[in-house]
Protein backbone atom coordinates (compact mmCIF):
# COMPACT_ATOMS: atom_id res chain seq x y z
CA UNK A 1 0.12 -0.12 -0.76
CA UNK A 2 1.77 3.31 -1.03
CA UNK A 3 2.59 5.65 1.69
CA UNK A 4 0.29 8.85 0.41
CA UNK A 5 -2.59 6.80 0.83
CA UNK A 6 -2.26 5.96 4.78
CA UNK A 7 -1.71 9.35 5.20
CA UNK A 8 -4.09 10.93 3.56
CA UNK A 9 -6.22 8.86 5.47
CA UNK A 10 -4.72 9.73 8.93
CA UNK A 11 -5.16 13.97 7.63
CA UNK A 12 -8.64 13.01 7.01
CA UNK A 13 -9.63 11.59 10.40
CA UNK A 14 -7.51 14.34 12.21
CA UNK A 15 -9.52 17.14 10.63
CA UNK A 16 -12.65 15.36 11.50
CA UNK A 17 -11.40 13.93 15.50
CA UNK A 18 -10.44 18.12 15.59
CA UNK A 19 -13.64 19.44 14.31
CA UNK A 20 -15.45 16.89 16.67
CA UNK A 21 -13.02 17.85 19.76
CA UNK A 22 -14.55 21.92 18.84
CA UNK A 23 -18.15 20.91 18.85
CA UNK A 24 -18.04 19.12 22.41
CA UNK A 25 -15.74 22.03 23.83
CA UNK A 26 -17.87 24.95 22.61
CA UNK A 27 -21.53 23.23 21.98
CA UNK A 28 -22.23 20.55 24.08
CA UNK A 29 -20.10 21.62 26.96
CA UNK A 30 -22.17 24.96 27.07
CA UNK A 31 -24.96 22.90 26.42
CA UNK A 32 -24.67 20.72 29.40
CA UNK A 33 -23.75 23.69 31.78
CA UNK A 34 -25.27 26.26 30.55
CA UNK A 35 -28.46 24.45 29.25
CA UNK A 36 -28.64 21.93 31.42
CA UNK A 37 -28.48 19.11 28.71
CA UNK A 38 -26.47 16.73 29.80
CA UNK A 39 -27.45 14.29 26.70
CA UNK A 40 -25.06 16.66 24.22
CA UNK A 41 -22.02 15.62 25.74
CA UNK A 42 -22.45 12.49 25.78
CA UNK A 43 -23.80 11.83 22.50
CA UNK A 44 -20.82 14.21 21.20
CA UNK A 45 -18.43 12.33 23.79
CA UNK A 46 -18.73 9.40 22.95
CA UNK A 47 -18.14 10.17 19.15
CA UNK A 48 -15.26 11.97 19.66
CA UNK A 49 -14.33 9.33 21.67
CA UNK A 50 -14.67 6.57 19.03
CA UNK A 51 -13.04 8.97 16.50
CA UNK A 52 -10.08 9.87 18.70
CA UNK A 53 -9.37 6.55 18.45
CA UNK A 54 -9.69 5.30 14.95
CA UNK A 55 -7.38 8.84 15.06
CA UNK A 56 -4.71 6.86 16.90
CA UNK A 57 -4.78 4.00 15.06
CA UNK A 58 -5.14 5.81 11.28
CA UNK A 59 -1.18 7.39 12.88
CA UNK A 60 0.17 3.59 14.21
CA UNK A 61 -1.13 3.05 10.35
CA UNK A 62 0.63 6.01 8.67
CA UNK A 63 3.61 5.48 11.28
CA UNK A 64 4.55 1.99 10.11
CA UNK A 65 3.77 2.89 6.38
CA UNK A 66 5.58 6.27 6.03
CA UNK A 67 8.55 5.61 8.57
CA UNK A 68 8.07 8.96 9.78
CA UNK A 69 10.68 9.75 12.38
CA UNK A 70 9.39 9.71 15.49
CA UNK A 71 9.13 12.59 17.56
CA UNK A 72 6.86 13.67 14.34
CA UNK A 73 3.93 10.90 14.86
CA UNK A 74 4.56 12.03 18.50
CA UNK A 75 3.75 15.46 17.48
CA UNK A 76 1.01 14.56 15.96
CA UNK A 77 -0.56 12.69 18.64
CA UNK A 78 -0.19 15.33 20.71
CA UNK A 79 -1.85 17.42 18.63
CA UNK A 80 -4.77 15.17 19.06
CA UNK A 81 -5.17 16.15 22.21
CA UNK A 82 -5.08 19.85 22.15
CA UNK A 83 -8.17 22.18 20.84
CA UNK A 84 -7.14 22.79 17.24
CA UNK A 85 -3.93 20.81 17.14
CA UNK A 86 -4.61 18.70 14.49
CA UNK A 87 -5.46 21.97 12.06
CA UNK A 88 -1.94 23.29 13.17
CA UNK A 89 -0.78 19.51 12.92
CA UNK A 90 -1.47 19.34 9.78
CA UNK A 91 1.21 21.11 7.85
CA UNK A 92 3.86 18.46 9.25
CA UNK A 93 0.62 15.42 7.76
CA UNK A 94 1.09 17.50 3.46
CA UNK A 95 5.00 17.45 4.27
CA UNK A 96 4.67 13.23 5.00
CA UNK A 97 1.74 13.18 2.04
CA UNK A 98 4.03 14.90 -0.84
CA UNK A 99 7.30 13.40 0.47
CA UNK A 100 6.67 10.27 2.27
CA UNK A 101 10.57 9.30 1.60
CA UNK A 102 12.08 11.79 2.85
CA UNK A 103 10.23 11.51 6.06
CA UNK A 104 12.13 8.25 6.62
CA UNK A 105 14.95 10.72 7.04
């Protein structure tokens, strides 16, 4: 399997996971605490959790296939833990996608 496919999948999953995190923080949490709607956090939180696991699996797959440097893999994983992080880390993933053979250096 080409490395670009694994990295493209990782980029898409990271973007969706990042959006779900922002929805959880800026829509579901205010609904819970200011509007008394805890179901929003339960549903969105569950969806975000599943997407985060998929993000981790996609990152593992990209790491195995494209063989980028370990510190970059740690950076990408850490970015998934922070609000807006996946969007900033996308620059690194674009570099992996454009030149996967150079990511091995």
